[in-house]
Amino acid sequence: MQSGEITGVLIAMAVGLVAFALSRWATRRVMQRRAAREKATAEATQSRQVRRANARRQQR
């Protein structure tokens, strides 16, 4: 291999590594945001159920 070819291969490897790391970070970020959103939705649903149960108890 010539020096230019080695440099090209090293640059390609570095770019691939950065792309892989970026995709892993983005995937984790999206999953964390999705989990937080689902948790908030679950808490809101539970709170609504608790409010309805309390309203039924007060009507009796």
PDB file of N, CA and C in Angstrom:
ATOM      1  N   MET A   1       0.843  -1.189   0.000  1.00  0.00           N
ATOM      2  CA  MET A   1       0.000   0.000   0.000  1.00  0.00           C
ATOM      3  C   MET A   1       0.877   1.237   0.000  1.00  0.00           C
ATOM      4  N   GLN A   2       0.357   2.216  -0.667  1.00  0.00           N
ATOM      5  CA  GLN A   2       1.068   3.487  -0.650  1.00  0.00           C
ATOM      6  C   GLN A   2       0.591   4.305   0.541  1.00  0.00           C
ATOM      7  N   SER A   3       1.318   5.338   0.812  1.00  0.00           N
ATOM      8  CA  SER A   3       1.008   6.170   1.975  1.00  0.00           C
ATOM      9  C   SER A   3      -0.389   6.772   1.869  1.00  0.00           C
ATOM     10  N   GLY A   4      -0.782   7.189   0.683  1.00  0.00           N
ATOM     11  CA  GLY A   4      -2.111   7.779   0.491  1.00  0.00           C
ATOM     12  C   GLY A   4      -3.220   6.780   0.721  1.00  0.00           C
ATOM     13  N   GLU A   5      -2.993   5.534   0.319  1.00  0.00           N
ATOM     14  CA  GLU A   5      -4.007   4.503   0.526  1.00  0.00           C
ATOM     15  C   GLU A   5      -4.184   4.200   2.009  1.00  0.00           C
ATOM     16  N   ILE A   6      -3.073   4.138   2.718  1.00  0.00           N
ATOM     17  CA  ILE A   6      -3.141   3.888   4.166  1.00  0.00           C
ATOM     18  C   ILE A   6      -3.879   5.029   4.859  1.00  0.00           C
ATOM     19  N   THR A   7      -3.573   6.254   4.441  1.00  0.00           N
ATOM     20  CA  THR A   7      -4.249   7.415   5.022  1.00  0.00           C
ATOM     21  C   THR A   7      -5.745   7.341   4.749  1.00  0.00           C
ATOM     22  N   GLY A   8      -6.114   6.979   3.537  1.00  0.00           N
ATOM     23  CA  GLY A   8      -7.534   6.862   3.185  1.00  0.00           C
ATOM     24  C   GLY A   8      -8.236   5.801   4.010  1.00  0.00           C
ATOM     25  N   VAL A   9      -7.574   4.674   4.201  1.00  0.00           N
ATOM     26  CA  VAL A   9      -8.159   3.600   5.004  1.00  0.00           C
ATOM     27  C   VAL A   9      -8.326   4.054   6.449  1.00  0.00           C
ATOM     28  N   LEU A  10      -7.332   4.730   6.987  1.00  0.00           N
ATOM     29  CA  LEU A  10      -7.427   5.217   8.369  1.00  0.00           C
ATOM     30  C   LEU A  10      -8.540   6.244   8.524  1.00  0.00           C
ATOM     31  N   ILE A  11      -8.665   7.131   7.545  1.00  0.00           N
ATOM     32  CA  ILE A  11      -9.738   8.134   7.596  1.00  0.00           C
ATOM     33  C   ILE A  11     -11.098   7.446   7.517  1.00  0.00           C
ATOM     34  N   ALA A  12     -11.222   6.454   6.635  1.00  0.00           N
ATOM     35  CA  ALA A  12     -12.488   5.725   6.511  1.00  0.00           C
ATOM     36  C   ALA A  12     -12.828   5.005   7.811  1.00  0.00           C
ATOM     37  N   MET A  13     -11.834   4.413   8.445  1.00  0.00           N
ATOM     38  CA  MET A  13     -12.073   3.739   9.726  1.00  0.00           C
ATOM     39  C   MET A  13     -12.499   4.732  10.796  1.00  0.00           C
ATOM     40  N   ALA A  14     -11.846   5.887  10.824  1.00  0.00           N
ATOM     41  CA  ALA A  14     -12.189   6.902  11.820  1.00  0.00           C
ATOM     42  C   ALA A  14     -13.606   7.414  11.600  1.00  0.00           C
ATOM     43  N   VAL A  15     -13.968   7.665  10.348  1.00  0.00           N
ATOM     44  CA  VAL A  15     -15.319   8.140  10.042  1.00  0.00           C
ATOM     45  C   VAL A  15     -16.344   7.070  10.410  1.00  0.00           C
ATOM     46  N   GLY A  16     -16.038   5.821  10.114  1.00  0.00           N
ATOM     47  CA  GLY A  16     -16.944   4.733  10.478  1.00  0.00           C
ATOM     48  C   GLY A  16     -17.128   4.619  11.977  1.00  0.00           C
ATOM     49  N   LEU A  17     -16.046   4.764  12.711  1.00  0.00           N
ATOM     50  CA  LEU A  17     -16.119   4.698  14.168  1.00  0.00           C
ATOM     51  C   LEU A  17     -16.952   5.844  14.730  1.00  0.00           C
ATOM     52  N   VAL A  18     -16.751   7.037  14.204  1.00  0.00           N
ATOM     53  CA  VAL A  18     -17.532   8.192  14.665  1.00  0.00           C
ATOM     54  C   VAL A  18     -19.006   7.997  14.324  1.00  0.00           C
ATOM     55  N   ALA A  19     -19.296   7.503  13.121  1.00  0.00           N
ATOM     56  CA  ALA A  19     -20.688   7.271  12.727  1.00  0.00           C
ATOM     57  C   ALA A  19     -21.334   6.221  13.626  1.00  0.00           C
ATOM     58  N   PHE A  20     -20.593   5.166  13.940  1.00  0.00           N
ATOM     59  CA  PHE A  20     -21.121   4.124  14.823  1.00  0.00           C
ATOM     60  C   PHE A  20     -21.411   4.688  16.209  1.00  0.00           C
ATOM     61  N   ALA A  21     -20.469   5.443  16.747  1.00  0.00           N
ATOM     62  CA  ALA A  21     -20.654   6.028  18.083  1.00  0.00           C
ATOM     63  C   ALA A  21     -21.835   6.993  18.090  1.00  0.00           C
ATOM     64  N   LEU A  22     -21.968   7.785  17.047  1.00  0.00           N
ATOM     65  CA  LEU A  22     -23.069   8.740  16.962  1.00  0.00           C
ATOM     66  C   LEU A  22     -24.410   8.021  16.873  1.00  0.00           C
ATOM     67  N   SER A  23     -24.471   6.962  16.101  1.00  0.00           N
ATOM     68  CA  SER A  23     -25.731   6.222  15.989  1.00  0.00           C
ATOM     69  C   SER A  23     -26.090   5.552  17.314  1.00  0.00           C
ATOM     70  N   ARG A  24     -25.104   5.027  18.026  1.00  0.00           N
ATOM     71  CA  ARG A  24     -25.375   4.430  19.341  1.00  0.00           C
ATOM     72  C   ARG A  24     -25.897   5.483  20.313  1.00  0.00           C
ATOM     73  N   TRP A  25     -25.270   6.655  20.318  1.00  0.00           N
ATOM     74  CA  TRP A  25     -25.697   7.733  21.210  1.00  0.00           C
ATOM     75  C   TRP A  25     -27.122   8.166  20.867  1.00  0.00           C
ATOM     76  N   ALA A  26     -27.392   8.338  19.572  1.00  0.00           N
ATOM     77  CA  ALA A  26     -28.723   8.785  19.159  1.00  0.00           C
ATOM     78  C   ALA A  26     -29.783   7.751  19.527  1.00  0.00           C
ATOM     79  N   THR A  27     -29.469   6.487  19.349  1.00  0.00           N
ATOM     80  CA  THR A  27     -30.421   5.429  19.685  1.00  0.00           C
ATOM     81  C   THR A  27     -30.717   5.433  21.178  1.00  0.00           C
ATOM     82  N   ARG A  28     -29.696   5.554  21.983  1.00  0.00           N
ATOM     83  CA  ARG A  28     -29.906   5.598  23.440  1.00  0.00           C
ATOM     84  C   ARG A  28     -30.734   6.808  23.837  1.00  0.00           C
ATOM     85  N   ARG A  29     -30.442   7.942  23.231  1.00  0.00           N
ATOM     86  CA  ARG A  29     -31.165   9.175  23.541  1.00  0.00           C
ATOM     87  C   ARG A  29     -32.650   9.036  23.199  1.00  0.00           C
ATOM     88  N   VAL A  30     -32.927   8.490  22.025  1.00  0.00           N
ATOM     89  CA  VAL A  30     -34.316   8.308  21.605  1.00  0.00           C
ATOM     90  C   VAL A  30     -35.030   7.341  22.543  1.00  0.00           C
ATOM     91  N   MET A  31     -34.364   6.264  22.917  1.00  0.00           N
ATOM     92  CA  MET A  31     -34.986   5.286  23.810  1.00  0.00           C
ATOM     93  C   MET A  31     -35.246   5.882  25.195  1.00  0.00           C
ATOM     94  N   GLN A  32     -34.323   6.698  25.686  1.00  0.00           N
ATOM     95  CA  GLN A  32     -34.527   7.340  26.987  1.00  0.00           C
ATOM     96  C   GLN A  32     -35.702   8.304  26.937  1.00  0.00           C
ATOM     97  N   ARG A  33     -35.793   9.074  25.852  1.00  0.00           N
ATOM     98  CA  ARG A  33     -36.900  10.017  25.727  1.00  0.00           C
ATOM     99  C   ARG A  33     -38.228   9.281  25.607  1.00  0.00           C
ATOM    100  N   ARG A  34     -38.234   8.188  24.846  1.00  0.00           N
ATOM    101  CA  ARG A  34     -39.458   7.403  24.689  1.00  0.00           C
ATOM    102  C   ARG A  34     -39.880   6.805  26.033  1.00  0.00           C
ATOM    103  N   ALA A  35     -38.928   6.285  26.790  1.00  0.00           N
ATOM    104  CA  ALA A  35     -39.241   5.700  28.096  1.00  0.00           C
ATOM    105  C   ALA A  35     -39.785   6.760  29.046  1.00  0.00           C
ATOM    106  N   ALA A  36     -39.197   7.949  29.019  1.00  0.00           N
ATOM    107  CA  ALA A  36     -39.677   9.028  29.884  1.00  0.00           C
ATOM    108  C   ALA A  36     -41.096   9.436  29.501  1.00  0.00           C
ATOM    109  N   ARG A  37     -41.363   9.494  28.200  1.00  0.00           N
ATOM    110  CA  ARG A  37     -42.698   9.868  27.736  1.00  0.00           C
ATOM    111  C   ARG A  37     -43.720   8.802  28.133  1.00  0.00           C
ATOM    112  N   GLU A  38     -43.369   7.531  27.981  1.00  0.00           N
ATOM    113  CA  GLU A  38     -44.289   6.459  28.365  1.00  0.00           C
ATOM    114  C   GLU A  38     -44.520   6.438  29.870  1.00  0.00           C
ATOM    115  N   LYS A  39     -43.482   6.737  30.635  1.00  0.00           N
ATOM    116  CA  LYS A  39     -43.636   6.778  32.094  1.00  0.00           C
ATOM    117  C   LYS A  39     -44.581   7.905  32.496  1.00  0.00           C
ATOM    118  N   ALA A  40     -44.415   9.068  31.866  1.00  0.00           N
ATOM    119  CA  ALA A  40     -45.289  10.198  32.173  1.00  0.00           C
ATOM    120  C   ALA A  40     -46.731   9.884  31.793  1.00  0.00           C
ATOM    121  N   THR A  41     -46.922   9.222  30.665  1.00  0.00           N
ATOM    122  CA  THR A  41     -48.271   8.841  30.240  1.00  0.00           C
ATOM    123  C   THR A  41     -48.886   7.857  31.227  1.00  0.00           C
ATOM    124  N   ALA A  42     -48.094   6.895  31.676  1.00  0.00           N
ATOM    125  CA  ALA A  42     -48.600   5.915  32.640  1.00  0.00           C
ATOM    126  C   ALA A  42     -48.976   6.592  33.955  1.00  0.00           C
ATOM    127  N   GLU A  43     -48.165   7.525  34.402  1.00  0.00           N
ATOM    128  CA  GLU A  43     -48.472   8.239  35.648  1.00  0.00           C
ATOM    129  C   GLU A  43     -49.725   9.086  35.496  1.00  0.00           C
ATOM    130  N   ALA A  44     -49.887   9.719  34.335  1.00  0.00           N
ATOM    131  CA  ALA A  44     -51.080  10.535  34.109  1.00  0.00           C
ATOM    132  C   ALA A  44     -52.325   9.662  34.075  1.00  0.00           C
ATOM    133  N   THR A  45     -52.233   8.504  33.458  1.00  0.00           N
ATOM    134  CA  THR A  45     -53.367   7.582  33.407  1.00  0.00           C
ATOM    135  C   THR A  45     -53.723   7.098  34.804  1.00  0.00           C
ATOM    136  N   GLN A  46     -52.722   6.747  35.573  1.00  0.00           N
ATOM    137  CA  GLN A  46     -52.978   6.281  36.930  1.00  0.00           C
ATOM    138  C   GLN A  46     -53.622   7.394  37.746  1.00  0.00           C
ATOM    139  N   SER A  47     -53.151   8.605  37.606  1.00  0.00           N
ATOM    140  CA  SER A  47     -53.715   9.712  38.369  1.00  0.00           C
ATOM    141  C   SER A  47     -55.174   9.939  37.989  1.00  0.00           C
ATOM    142  N   ARG A  48     -55.482   9.811  36.707  1.00  0.00           N
ATOM    143  CA  ARG A  48     -56.857   9.988  36.257  1.00  0.00           C
ATOM    144  C   ARG A  48     -57.746   8.905  36.871  1.00  0.00           C
ATOM    145  N   GLN A  49     -57.250   7.690  36.915  1.00  0.00           N
ATOM    146  CA  GLN A  49     -58.027   6.601  37.512  1.00  0.00           C
ATOM    147  C   GLN A  49     -58.255   6.855  38.996  1.00  0.00           C
ATOM    148  N   VAL A  50     -57.241   7.350  39.666  1.00  0.00           N
ATOM    149  CA  VAL A  50     -57.378   7.654  41.092  1.00  0.00           C
ATOM    150  C   VAL A  50     -58.394   8.769  41.289  1.00  0.00           C
ATOM    151  N   ARG A  51     -58.357   9.792  40.445  1.00  0.00           N
ATOM    152  CA  ARG A  51     -59.336  10.885  40.558  1.00  0.00           C
ATOM    153  C   ARG A  51     -60.753  10.375  40.347  1.00  0.00           C
ATOM    154  N   ARG A  52     -60.944   9.508  39.377  1.00  0.00           N
ATOM    155  CA  ARG A  52     -62.283   8.965  39.119  1.00  0.00           C
ATOM    156  C   ARG A  52     -62.765   8.116  40.293  1.00  0.00           C
ATOM    157  N   ALA A  53     -61.867   7.318  40.845  1.00  0.00           N
ATOM    158  CA  ALA A  53     -62.246   6.485  41.993  1.00  0.00           C
ATOM    159  C   ALA A  53     -62.632   7.363  43.181  1.00  0.00           C
ATOM    160  N   ASN A  54     -61.886   8.411  43.410  1.00  0.00           N
ATOM    161  CA  ASN A  54     -62.206   9.321  44.515  1.00  0.00           C
ATOM    162  C   ASN A  54     -63.537  10.015  44.279  1.00  0.00           C
ATOM    163  N   ALA A  55     -63.819  10.389  43.042  1.00  0.00           N
ATOM    164  CA  ALA A  55     -65.096  11.036  42.733  1.00  0.00           C
ATOM    165  C   ALA A  55     -66.257  10.074  42.971  1.00  0.00           C
ATOM    166  N   ARG A  56     -66.091   8.812  42.613  1.00  0.00           N
ATOM    167  CA  ARG A  56     -67.155   7.819  42.861  1.00  0.00           C
ATOM    168  C   ARG A  56     -67.376   7.629  44.360  1.00  0.00           C
ATOM    169  N   ARG A  57     -66.305   7.615  45.122  1.00  0.00           N
ATOM    170  CA  ARG A  57     -66.441   7.451  46.576  1.00  0.00           C
ATOM    171  C   ARG A  57     -67.193   8.625  47.195  1.00  0.00           C
ATOM    172  N   GLN A  58     -66.944   9.815  46.704  1.00  0.00           N
ATOM    173  CA  GLN A  58     -67.590  11.000  47.268  1.00  0.00           C
ATOM    174  C   GLN A  58     -69.073  11.051  46.912  1.00  0.00           C
ATOM    175  N   GLN A  59     -69.467  10.469  45.791  1.00  0.00           N
ATOM    176  CA  GLN A  59     -70.877  10.485  45.390  1.00  0.00           C
ATOM    177  C   GLN A  59     -71.723   9.554  46.249  1.00  0.00           C
ATOM    178  N   ARG A  60     -71.125   8.548  46.852  1.00  0.00           N
ATOM    179  CA  ARG A  60     -71.886   7.574  47.658  1.00  0.00           C
ATOM    180  C   ARG A  60     -72.326   8.111  48.954  1.00  0.00           C
TER     181      ARG A  60
END
